[in-house]
Amino acid sequence: RPSSCGSSWQETLMELDDLLSLTAESQIRPPMPTSAEISRMDEALGWVSWIQDTAHRRVVLFWMMIHPLSGQHRYSWRQIGEKMGRDHKTVKGWFYKGVAVITKKKYT
């Protein structure tokens, strides 16, 4: 039985007419974080230094990179694996080990 109609295309952020009508004053900018959000980010970035293994720390930092407008990760697991010279499943495991180090140190 066929599935219902659908599309695998992602939603576009802006229509072409909207893009053509942009001026210097109306540039697309990410929302400005509050001072509390910046403080929380600084604290969380400090946690990454608790990861002793350099490769695990790099993978965690790669995964933390998120596009400010779309909210999507900048690198997929496969791209991180290519950058690290390892299989994507391996680097995903490294990520979980890095997060486990942070969790253990933070909550014990």
PDB file of N, CA and C in Angstrom:
ATOM      1  N   ARG A   1       0.845  -1.169   0.000  1.00  0.00           N
ATOM      2  CA  ARG A   1       0.000   0.000   0.000  1.00  0.00           C
ATOM      3  C   ARG A   1       0.897   1.242   0.000  1.00  0.00           C
ATOM      4  N   PRO A   2       0.694   2.145  -0.907  1.00  0.00           N
ATOM      5  CA  PRO A   2       1.556   3.325  -0.986  1.00  0.00           C
ATOM      6  C   PRO A   2       1.336   4.266   0.198  1.00  0.00           C
ATOM      7  N   SER A   3       2.405   4.931   0.556  1.00  0.00           N
ATOM      8  CA  SER A   3       2.297   5.898   1.656  1.00  0.00           C
ATOM      9  C   SER A   3       1.648   7.184   1.152  1.00  0.00           C
ATOM     10  N   SER A   4       1.328   8.042   2.082  1.00  0.00           N
ATOM     11  CA  SER A   4       0.704   9.312   1.705  1.00  0.00           C
ATOM     12  C   SER A   4       1.713  10.210   1.002  1.00  0.00           C
ATOM     13  N   CYS A   5       1.205  11.246   0.367  1.00  0.00           N
ATOM     14  CA  CYS A   5       2.073  12.179  -0.344  1.00  0.00           C
ATOM     15  C   CYS A   5       2.951  12.925   0.644  1.00  0.00           C
ATOM     16  N   GLY A   6       4.163  13.200   0.228  1.00  0.00           N
ATOM     17  CA  GLY A   6       5.072  13.936   1.096  1.00  0.00           C
ATOM     18  C   GLY A   6       6.299  14.355   0.320  1.00  0.00           C
ATOM     19  N   SER A   7       7.135  15.075   0.968  1.00  0.00           N
ATOM     20  CA  SER A   7       8.360  15.551   0.350  1.00  0.00           C
ATOM     21  C   SER A   7       9.500  15.421   1.341  1.00  0.00           C
ATOM     22  N   SER A   8      10.667  15.038   0.837  1.00  0.00           N
ATOM     23  CA  SER A   8      11.827  14.933   1.718  1.00  0.00           C
ATOM     24  C   SER A   8      12.640  16.224   1.722  1.00  0.00           C
ATOM     25  N   TRP A   9      12.191  17.224   0.975  1.00  0.00           N
ATOM     26  CA  TRP A   9      12.893  18.510   0.953  1.00  0.00           C
ATOM     27  C   TRP A   9      12.679  19.221   2.277  1.00  0.00           C
ATOM     28  N   GLN A  10      13.732  19.864   2.770  1.00  0.00           N
ATOM     29  CA  GLN A  10      13.608  20.631   4.001  1.00  0.00           C
ATOM     30  C   GLN A  10      12.909  21.957   3.708  1.00  0.00           C
ATOM     31  N   GLU A  11      12.331  22.536   4.759  1.00  0.00           N
ATOM     32  CA  GLU A  11      11.703  23.840   4.613  1.00  0.00           C
ATOM     33  C   GLU A  11      12.781  24.882   4.315  1.00  0.00           C
ATOM     34  N   THR A  12      12.471  25.804   3.411  1.00  0.00           N
ATOM     35  CA  THR A  12      13.434  26.865   3.121  1.00  0.00           C
ATOM     36  C   THR A  12      13.310  27.954   4.174  1.00  0.00           C
ATOM     37  N   LEU A  13      14.422  28.605   4.448  1.00  0.00           N
ATOM     38  CA  LEU A  13      14.397  29.673   5.443  1.00  0.00           C
ATOM     39  C   LEU A  13      13.731  30.928   4.907  1.00  0.00           C
ATOM     40  N   MET A  14      14.004  31.250   3.617  1.00  0.00           N
ATOM     41  CA  MET A  14      13.436  32.459   3.018  1.00  0.00           C
ATOM     42  C   MET A  14      13.066  32.168   1.566  1.00  0.00           C
ATOM     43  N   GLU A  15      12.083  32.864   1.096  1.00  0.00           N
ATOM     44  CA  GLU A  15      11.712  32.784  -0.309  1.00  0.00           C
ATOM     45  C   GLU A  15      12.661  33.671  -1.116  1.00  0.00           C
ATOM     46  N   LEU A  16      12.748  33.432  -2.424  1.00  0.00           N
ATOM     47  CA  LEU A  16      13.649  34.187  -3.287  1.00  0.00           C
ATOM     48  C   LEU A  16      13.333  35.683  -3.254  1.00  0.00           C
ATOM     49  N   ASP A  17      12.054  36.040  -3.282  1.00  0.00           N
ATOM     50  CA  ASP A  17      11.676  37.460  -3.236  1.00  0.00           C
ATOM     51  C   ASP A  17      12.169  38.130  -1.953  1.00  0.00           C
ATOM     52  N   ASP A  18      12.098  37.400  -0.853  1.00  0.00           N
ATOM     53  CA  ASP A  18      12.582  37.948   0.416  1.00  0.00           C
ATOM     54  C   ASP A  18      14.084  38.181   0.361  1.00  0.00           C
ATOM     55  N   LEU A  19      14.815  37.245  -0.222  1.00  0.00           N
ATOM     56  CA  LEU A  19      16.269  37.391  -0.316  1.00  0.00           C
ATOM     57  C   LEU A  19      16.657  38.573  -1.198  1.00  0.00           C
ATOM     58  N   LEU A  20      15.928  38.763  -2.304  1.00  0.00           N
ATOM     59  CA  LEU A  20      16.254  39.847  -3.224  1.00  0.00           C
ATOM     60  C   LEU A  20      15.943  41.220  -2.636  1.00  0.00           C
ATOM     61  N   SER A  21      15.029  41.265  -1.684  1.00  0.00           N
ATOM     62  CA  SER A  21      14.643  42.556  -1.111  1.00  0.00           C
ATOM     63  C   SER A  21      15.474  42.938   0.117  1.00  0.00           C
ATOM     64  N   LEU A  22      16.456  42.138   0.465  1.00  0.00           N
ATOM     65  CA  LEU A  22      17.287  42.458   1.635  1.00  0.00           C
ATOM     66  C   LEU A  22      18.139  43.692   1.376  1.00  0.00           C
ATOM     67  N   THR A  23      18.287  44.491   2.387  1.00  0.00           N
ATOM     68  CA  THR A  23      19.183  45.648   2.324  1.00  0.00           C
ATOM     69  C   THR A  23      20.244  45.481   3.404  1.00  0.00           C
ATOM     70  N   ALA A  24      21.219  46.370   3.426  1.00  0.00           N
ATOM     71  CA  ALA A  24      22.291  46.283   4.420  1.00  0.00           C
ATOM     72  C   ALA A  24      21.728  46.375   5.840  1.00  0.00           C
ATOM     73  N   GLU A  25      20.662  47.135   6.021  1.00  0.00           N
ATOM     74  CA  GLU A  25      20.085  47.298   7.351  1.00  0.00           C
ATOM     75  C   GLU A  25      19.321  46.057   7.797  1.00  0.00           C
ATOM     76  N   SER A  26      18.871  45.265   6.840  1.00  0.00           N
ATOM     77  CA  SER A  26      18.046  44.108   7.197  1.00  0.00           C
ATOM     78  C   SER A  26      18.793  42.790   7.009  1.00  0.00           C
ATOM     79  N   GLN A  27      20.080  42.791   7.256  1.00  0.00           N
ATOM     80  CA  GLN A  27      20.843  41.554   7.125  1.00  0.00           C
ATOM     81  C   GLN A  27      20.339  40.515   8.119  1.00  0.00           C
ATOM     82  N   ILE A  28      20.447  39.265   7.698  1.00  0.00           N
ATOM     83  CA  ILE A  28      20.032  38.175   8.572  1.00  0.00           C
ATOM     84  C   ILE A  28      21.112  37.989   9.631  1.00  0.00           C
ATOM     85  N   ARG A  29      20.720  38.056  10.874  1.00  0.00           N
ATOM     86  CA  ARG A  29      21.669  37.894  11.970  1.00  0.00           C
ATOM     87  C   ARG A  29      21.096  36.904  12.979  1.00  0.00           C
ATOM     88  N   PRO A  30      21.989  36.171  13.620  1.00  0.00           N
ATOM     89  CA  PRO A  30      21.498  35.276  14.670  1.00  0.00           C
ATOM     90  C   PRO A  30      21.024  36.090  15.868  1.00  0.00           C
ATOM     91  N   PRO A  31      20.121  35.543  16.652  1.00  0.00           N
ATOM     92  CA  PRO A  31      19.657  36.284  17.828  1.00  0.00           C
ATOM     93  C   PRO A  31      20.802  36.505  18.812  1.00  0.00           C
ATOM     94  N   MET A  32      20.809  37.652  19.460  1.00  0.00           N
ATOM     95  CA  MET A  32      21.855  37.972  20.432  1.00  0.00           C
ATOM     96  C   MET A  32      21.580  37.227  21.740  1.00  0.00           C
ATOM     97  N   PRO A  33      22.581  36.516  22.252  1.00  0.00           N
ATOM     98  CA  PRO A  33      22.367  35.815  23.524  1.00  0.00           C
ATOM     99  C   PRO A  33      22.346  36.798  24.693  1.00  0.00           C
ATOM    100  N   THR A  34      21.634  36.415  25.721  1.00  0.00           N
ATOM    101  CA  THR A  34      21.604  37.235  26.934  1.00  0.00           C
ATOM    102  C   THR A  34      22.890  37.006  27.723  1.00  0.00           C
ATOM    103  N   SER A  35      23.145  37.853  28.698  1.00  0.00           N
ATOM    104  CA  SER A  35      24.355  37.681  29.508  1.00  0.00           C
ATOM    105  C   SER A  35      24.301  36.376  30.297  1.00  0.00           C
ATOM    106  N   ALA A  36      23.117  35.962  30.720  1.00  0.00           N
ATOM    107  CA  ALA A  36      22.977  34.684  31.436  1.00  0.00           C
ATOM    108  C   ALA A  36      23.311  33.509  30.514  1.00  0.00           C
ATOM    109  N   GLU A  37      22.860  33.588  29.250  1.00  0.00           N
ATOM    110  CA  GLU A  37      23.169  32.523  28.288  1.00  0.00           C
ATOM    111  C   GLU A  37      24.666  32.457  28.003  1.00  0.00           C
ATOM    112  N   ILE A  38      25.312  33.599  27.919  1.00  0.00           N
ATOM    113  CA  ILE A  38      26.757  33.632  27.682  1.00  0.00           C
ATOM    114  C   ILE A  38      27.493  33.029  28.878  1.00  0.00           C
ATOM    115  N   SER A  39      27.051  33.337  30.077  1.00  0.00           N
ATOM    116  CA  SER A  39      27.674  32.773  31.278  1.00  0.00           C
ATOM    117  C   SER A  39      27.529  31.258  31.311  1.00  0.00           C
ATOM    118  N   ARG A  40      26.328  30.750  30.954  1.00  0.00           N
ATOM    119  CA  ARG A  40      26.119  29.296  30.913  1.00  0.00           C
ATOM    120  C   ARG A  40      27.001  28.652  29.855  1.00  0.00           C
ATOM    121  N   MET A  41      27.150  29.307  28.701  1.00  0.00           N
ATOM    122  CA  MET A  41      27.996  28.775  27.639  1.00  0.00           C
ATOM    123  C   MET A  41      29.454  28.722  28.089  1.00  0.00           C
ATOM    124  N   ASP A  42      29.927  29.786  28.722  1.00  0.00           N
ATOM    125  CA  ASP A  42      31.305  29.808  29.219  1.00  0.00           C
ATOM    126  C   ASP A  42      31.547  28.681  30.219  1.00  0.00           C
ATOM    127  N   GLU A  43      30.574  28.462  31.090  1.00  0.00           N
ATOM    128  CA  GLU A  43      30.706  27.378  32.067  1.00  0.00           C
ATOM    129  C   GLU A  43      30.779  26.022  31.360  1.00  0.00           C
ATOM    130  N   ALA A  44      29.881  25.799  30.388  1.00  0.00           N
ATOM    131  CA  ALA A  44      29.854  24.522  29.665  1.00  0.00           C
ATOM    132  C   ALA A  44      31.130  24.304  28.859  1.00  0.00           C
ATOM    133  N   LEU A  45      31.669  25.351  28.257  1.00  0.00           N
ATOM    134  CA  LEU A  45      32.920  25.204  27.507  1.00  0.00           C
ATOM    135  C   LEU A  45      34.075  24.835  28.435  1.00  0.00           C
ATOM    136  N   GLY A  46      34.022  25.293  29.669  1.00  0.00           N
ATOM    137  CA  GLY A  46      35.040  24.912  30.642  1.00  0.00           C
ATOM    138  C   GLY A  46      35.008  23.429  30.964  1.00  0.00           C
ATOM    139  N   TRP A  47      33.825  22.830  30.903  1.00  0.00           N
ATOM    140  CA  TRP A  47      33.707  21.403  31.192  1.00  0.00           C
ATOM    141  C   TRP A  47      34.477  20.564  30.179  1.00  0.00           C
ATOM    142  N   VAL A  48      34.561  21.037  28.946  1.00  0.00           N
ATOM    143  CA  VAL A  48      35.232  20.264  27.890  1.00  0.00           C
ATOM    144  C   VAL A  48      36.700  20.039  28.240  1.00  0.00           C
ATOM    145  N   SER A  49      37.307  20.963  28.954  1.00  0.00           N
ATOM    146  CA  SER A  49      38.721  20.806  29.318  1.00  0.00           C
ATOM    147  C   SER A  49      38.935  19.651  30.292  1.00  0.00           C
ATOM    148  N   TRP A  50      37.882  19.147  30.902  1.00  0.00           N
ATOM    149  CA  TRP A  50      37.999  17.997  31.799  1.00  0.00           C
ATOM    150  C   TRP A  50      38.294  16.711  31.037  1.00  0.00           C
ATOM    151  N   ILE A  51      38.016  16.689  29.735  1.00  0.00           N
ATOM    152  CA  ILE A  51      38.258  15.488  28.920  1.00  0.00           C
ATOM    153  C   ILE A  51      39.751  15.429  28.619  1.00  0.00           C
ATOM    154  N   GLN A  52      40.436  14.424  29.174  1.00  0.00           N
ATOM    155  CA  GLN A  52      41.887  14.320  29.026  1.00  0.00           C
ATOM    156  C   GLN A  52      42.300  13.869  27.625  1.00  0.00           C
ATOM    157  N   ASP A  53      41.552  12.941  27.039  1.00  0.00           N
ATOM    158  CA  ASP A  53      41.897  12.414  25.717  1.00  0.00           C
ATOM    159  C   ASP A  53      41.636  13.484  24.652  1.00  0.00           C
ATOM    160  N   THR A  54      42.683  13.864  23.936  1.00  0.00           N
ATOM    161  CA  THR A  54      42.581  14.943  22.946  1.00  0.00           C
ATOM    162  C   THR A  54      41.578  14.621  21.845  1.00  0.00           C
ATOM    163  N   ALA A  55      41.583  13.383  21.352  1.00  0.00           N
ATOM    164  CA  ALA A  55      40.665  13.003  20.271  1.00  0.00           C
ATOM    165  C   ALA A  55      39.218  13.093  20.743  1.00  0.00           C
ATOM    166  N   HIS A  56      38.944  12.613  21.942  1.00  0.00           N
ATOM    167  CA  HIS A  56      37.577  12.673  22.472  1.00  0.00           C
ATOM    168  C   HIS A  56      37.138  14.127  22.641  1.00  0.00           C
ATOM    169  N   ARG A  57      38.057  14.955  23.140  1.00  0.00           N
ATOM    170  CA  ARG A  57      37.744  16.374  23.334  1.00  0.00           C
ATOM    171  C   ARG A  57      37.455  17.055  21.998  1.00  0.00           C
ATOM    172  N   ARG A  58      38.245  16.745  20.966  1.00  0.00           N
ATOM    173  CA  ARG A  58      38.018  17.354  19.646  1.00  0.00           C
ATOM    174  C   ARG A  58      36.659  16.965  19.080  1.00  0.00           C
ATOM    175  N   VAL A  59      36.284  15.694  19.248  1.00  0.00           N
ATOM    176  CA  VAL A  59      34.987  15.237  18.740  1.00  0.00           C
ATOM    177  C   VAL A  59      33.856  15.978  19.451  1.00  0.00           C
ATOM    178  N   VAL A  60      33.963  16.131  20.762  1.00  0.00           N
ATOM    179  CA  VAL A  60      32.932  16.861  21.511  1.00  0.00           C
ATOM    180  C   VAL A  60      32.842  18.299  21.008  1.00  0.00           C
ATOM    181  N   LEU A  61      33.988  18.931  20.780  1.00  0.00           N
ATOM    182  CA  LEU A  61      33.983  20.312  20.287  1.00  0.00           C
ATOM    183  C   LEU A  61      33.401  20.411  18.875  1.00  0.00           C
ATOM    184  N   PHE A  62      33.727  19.443  18.001  1.00  0.00           N
ATOM    185  CA  PHE A  62      33.129  19.439  16.659  1.00  0.00           C
ATOM    186  C   PHE A  62      31.609  19.355  16.765  1.00  0.00           C
ATOM    187  N   TRP A  63      31.104  18.460  17.626  1.00  0.00           N
ATOM    188  CA  TRP A  63      29.657  18.256  17.723  1.00  0.00           C
ATOM    189  C   TRP A  63      28.960  19.459  18.356  1.00  0.00           C
ATOM    190  N   MET A  64      29.703  20.242  19.140  1.00  0.00           N
ATOM    191  CA  MET A  64      29.120  21.429  19.771  1.00  0.00           C
ATOM    192  C   MET A  64      28.900  22.567  18.780  1.00  0.00           C
ATOM    193  N   MET A  65      29.518  22.495  17.610  1.00  0.00           N
ATOM    194  CA  MET A  65      29.378  23.576  16.628  1.00  0.00           C
ATOM    195  C   MET A  65      27.999  23.504  15.983  1.00  0.00           C
ATOM    196  N   ILE A  66      27.186  24.500  16.267  1.00  0.00           N
ATOM    197  CA  ILE A  66      25.812  24.536  15.766  1.00  0.00           C
ATOM    198  C   ILE A  66      25.604  25.840  15.010  1.00  0.00           C
ATOM    199  N   HIS A  67      24.946  25.750  13.854  1.00  0.00           N
ATOM    200  CA  HIS A  67      24.674  26.938  13.047  1.00  0.00           C
ATOM    201  C   HIS A  67      23.717  27.846  13.813  1.00  0.00           C
ATOM    202  N   PRO A  68      24.041  29.133  13.945  1.00  0.00           N
ATOM    203  CA  PRO A  68      23.214  30.019  14.769  1.00  0.00           C
ATOM    204  C   PRO A  68      21.811  30.274  14.230  1.00  0.00           C
ATOM    205  N   LEU A  69      21.619  30.189  12.929  1.00  0.00           N
ATOM    206  CA  LEU A  69      20.286  30.456  12.374  1.00  0.00           C
ATOM    207  C   LEU A  69      19.444  29.196  12.253  1.00  0.00           C
ATOM    208  N   SER A  70      20.036  28.117  11.749  1.00  0.00           N
ATOM    209  CA  SER A  70      19.256  26.902  11.532  1.00  0.00           C
ATOM    210  C   SER A  70      19.180  26.028  12.776  1.00  0.00           C
ATOM    211  N   GLY A  71      20.144  26.172  13.687  1.00  0.00           N
ATOM    212  CA  GLY A  71      20.156  25.329  14.881  1.00  0.00           C
ATOM    213  C   GLY A  71      20.636  23.916  14.612  1.00  0.00           C
ATOM    214  N   GLN A  72      21.146  23.666  13.411  1.00  0.00           N
ATOM    215  CA  GLN A  72      21.625  22.327  13.061  1.00  0.00           C
ATOM    216  C   GLN A  72      23.123  22.223  13.313  1.00  0.00           C
ATOM    217  N   HIS A  73      23.553  20.992  13.585  1.00  0.00           N
ATOM    218  CA  HIS A  73      24.984  20.758  13.769  1.00  0.00           C
ATOM    219  C   HIS A  73      25.713  21.061  12.465  1.00  0.00           C
ATOM    220  N   ARG A  74      26.868  21.705  12.571  1.00  0.00           N
ATOM    221  CA  ARG A  74      27.635  22.057  11.371  1.00  0.00           C
ATOM    222  C   ARG A  74      28.274  20.839  10.725  1.00  0.00           C
ATOM    223  N   TYR A  75      28.602  19.828  11.522  1.00  0.00           N
ATOM    224  CA  TYR A  75      29.245  18.628  10.998  1.00  0.00           C
ATOM    225  C   TYR A  75      28.419  17.405  11.357  1.00  0.00           C
ATOM    226  N   SER A  76      28.233  16.524  10.378  1.00  0.00           N
ATOM    227  CA  SER A  76      27.579  15.248  10.646  1.00  0.00           C
ATOM    228  C   SER A  76      28.610  14.311  11.266  1.00  0.00           C
ATOM    229  N   TRP A  77      28.145  13.177  11.781  1.00  0.00           N
ATOM    230  CA  TRP A  77      29.086  12.207  12.341  1.00  0.00           C
ATOM    231  C   TRP A  77      30.059  11.727  11.273  1.00  0.00           C
ATOM    232  N   ARG A  78      29.587  11.544  10.066  1.00  0.00           N
ATOM    233  CA  ARG A  78      30.481  11.106   8.978  1.00  0.00           C
ATOM    234  C   ARG A  78      31.546  12.158   8.683  1.00  0.00           C
ATOM    235  N   GLN A  79      31.159  13.430   8.672  1.00  0.00           N
ATOM    236  CA  GLN A  79      32.140  14.498   8.423  1.00  0.00           C
ATOM    237  C   GLN A  79      33.168  14.577   9.551  1.00  0.00           C
ATOM    238  N   ILE A  80      32.713  14.410  10.776  1.00  0.00           N
ATOM    239  CA  ILE A  80      33.654  14.416  11.902  1.00  0.00           C
ATOM    240  C   ILE A  80      34.596  13.229  11.778  1.00  0.00           C
ATOM    241  N   GLY A  81      34.047  12.073  11.407  1.00  0.00           N
ATOM    242  CA  GLY A  81      34.884  10.891  11.215  1.00  0.00           C
ATOM    243  C   GLY A  81      35.939  11.110  10.147  1.00  0.00           C
ATOM    244  N   GLU A  82      35.559  11.758   9.045  1.00  0.00           N
ATOM    245  CA  GLU A  82      36.524  12.046   7.980  1.00  0.00           C
ATOM    246  C   GLU A  82      37.614  12.988   8.487  1.00  0.00           C
ATOM    247  N   LYS A  83      37.234  14.008   9.242  1.00  0.00           N
ATOM    248  CA  LYS A  83      38.219  14.963   9.765  1.00  0.00           C
ATOM    249  C   LYS A  83      39.182  14.300  10.748  1.00  0.00           C
ATOM    250  N   MET A  84      38.671  13.334  11.499  1.00  0.00           N
ATOM    251  CA  MET A  84      39.494  12.659  12.498  1.00  0.00           C
ATOM    252  C   MET A  84      40.223  11.443  11.922  1.00  0.00           C
ATOM    253  N   GLY A  85      39.873  11.060  10.689  1.00  0.00           N
ATOM    254  CA  GLY A  85      40.507   9.895  10.074  1.00  0.00           C
ATOM    255  C   GLY A  85      40.030   8.578  10.660  1.00  0.00           C
ATOM    256  N   ARG A  86      38.793   8.556  11.130  1.00  0.00           N
ATOM    257  CA  ARG A  86      38.218   7.362  11.746  1.00  0.00           C
ATOM    258  C   ARG A  86      36.803   7.147  11.218  1.00  0.00           C
ATOM    259  N   ASP A  87      36.261   5.973  11.516  1.00  0.00           N
ATOM    260  CA  ASP A  87      34.893   5.651  11.139  1.00  0.00           C
ATOM    261  C   ASP A  87      33.925   6.503  11.966  1.00  0.00           C
ATOM    262  N   HIS A  88      32.779   6.830  11.378  1.00  0.00           N
ATOM    263  CA  HIS A  88      31.821   7.686  12.084  1.00  0.00           C
ATOM    264  C   HIS A  88      31.282   7.026  13.353  1.00  0.00           C
ATOM    265  N   LYS A  89      31.196   5.711  13.370  1.00  0.00           N
ATOM    266  CA  LYS A  89      30.725   5.021  14.576  1.00  0.00           C
ATOM    267  C   LYS A  89      31.754   5.134  15.700  1.00  0.00           C
ATOM    268  N   THR A  90      33.019   5.109  15.333  1.00  0.00           N
ATOM    269  CA  THR A  90      34.091   5.243  16.324  1.00  0.00           C
ATOM    270  C   THR A  90      34.060   6.620  16.970  1.00  0.00           C
ATOM    271  N   VAL A  91      33.957   7.673  16.144  1.00  0.00           N
ATOM    272  CA  VAL A  91      33.965   9.025  16.719  1.00  0.00           C
ATOM    273  C   VAL A  91      32.701   9.292  17.531  1.00  0.00           C
ATOM    274  N   LYS A  92      31.601   8.661  17.161  1.00  0.00           N
ATOM    275  CA  LYS A  92      30.383   8.811  17.957  1.00  0.00           C
ATOM    276  C   LYS A  92      30.594   8.180  19.336  1.00  0.00           C
ATOM    277  N   GLY A  93      31.279   7.053  19.371  1.00  0.00           N
ATOM    278  CA  GLY A  93      31.620   6.426  20.648  1.00  0.00           C
ATOM    279  C   GLY A  93      32.542   7.305  21.473  1.00  0.00           C
ATOM    280  N   TRP A  94      33.507   7.947  20.809  1.00  0.00           N
ATOM    281  CA  TRP A  94      34.404   8.872  21.506  1.00  0.00           C
ATOM    282  C   TRP A  94      33.615  10.022  22.117  1.00  0.00           C
ATOM    283  N   PHE A  95      32.616  10.509  21.377  1.00  0.00           N
ATOM    284  CA  PHE A  95      31.776  11.593  21.886  1.00  0.00           C
ATOM    285  C   PHE A  95      31.097  11.166  23.185  1.00  0.00           C
ATOM    286  N   TYR A  96      30.493   9.973  23.178  1.00  0.00           N
ATOM    287  CA  TYR A  96      29.796   9.499  24.367  1.00  0.00           C
ATOM    288  C   TYR A  96      30.760   9.296  25.532  1.00  0.00           C
ATOM    289  N   LYS A  97      31.978   8.843  25.240  1.00  0.00           N
ATOM    290  CA  LYS A  97      32.978   8.692  26.305  1.00  0.00           C
ATOM    291  C   LYS A  97      33.369  10.057  26.865  1.00  0.00           C
ATOM    292  N   GLY A  98      33.518  11.045  25.989  1.00  0.00           N
ATOM    293  CA  GLY A  98      33.844  12.400  26.445  1.00  0.00           C
ATOM    294  C   GLY A  98      32.745  12.984  27.311  1.00  0.00           C
ATOM    295  N   VAL A  99      31.501  12.797  26.889  1.00  0.00           N
ATOM    296  CA  VAL A  99      30.370  13.298  27.671  1.00  0.00           C
ATOM    297  C   VAL A  99      30.286  12.549  29.005  1.00  0.00           C
ATOM    298  N   ALA A 100      30.634  11.258  29.005  1.00  0.00           N
ATOM    299  CA  ALA A 100      30.629  10.484  30.254  1.00  0.00           C
ATOM    300  C   ALA A 100      31.649  11.043  31.243  1.00  0.00           C
ATOM    301  N   VAL A 101      32.815  11.469  30.741  1.00  0.00           N
ATOM    302  CA  VAL A 101      33.830  12.072  31.610  1.00  0.00           C
ATOM    303  C   VAL A 101      33.274  13.345  32.251  1.00  0.00           C
ATOM    304  N   ILE A 102      32.642  14.176  31.441  1.00  0.00           N
ATOM    305  CA  ILE A 102      32.063  15.428  31.956  1.00  0.00           C
ATOM    306  C   ILE A 102      30.977  15.124  32.989  1.00  0.00           C
ATOM    307  N   THR A 103      30.089  14.196  32.658  1.00  0.00           N
ATOM    308  CA  THR A 103      28.982  13.855  33.552  1.00  0.00           C
ATOM    309  C   THR A 103      29.500  13.320  34.879  1.00  0.00           C
ATOM    310  N   LYS A 104      30.497  12.427  34.800  1.00  0.00           N
ATOM    311  CA  LYS A 104      31.047  11.836  36.020  1.00  0.00           C
ATOM    312  C   LYS A 104      31.676  12.909  36.909  1.00  0.00           C
ATOM    313  N   LYS A 105      32.450  13.792  36.306  1.00  0.00           N
ATOM    314  CA  LYS A 105      33.125  14.827  37.092  1.00  0.00           C
ATOM    315  C   LYS A 105      32.123  15.850  37.642  1.00  0.00           C
ATOM    316  N   LYS A 106      31.106  16.173  36.867  1.00  0.00           N
ATOM    317  CA  LYS A 106      30.143  17.200  37.270  1.00  0.00           C
ATOM    318  C   LYS A 106      29.202  16.704  38.369  1.00  0.00           C
ATOM    319  N   TYR A 107      28.806  15.450  38.298  1.00  0.00           N
ATOM    320  CA  TYR A 107      27.753  14.958  39.188  1.00  0.00           C
ATOM    321  C   TYR A 107      28.225  13.955  40.231  1.00  0.00           C
ATOM    322  N   THR A 108      29.539  13.796  40.419  1.00  0.00           N
ATOM    323  CA  THR A 108      30.007  12.904  41.494  1.00  0.00           C
ATOM    324  C   THR A 108      30.937  13.638  42.421  1.00  0.00           C
TER     325      THR A 108
END
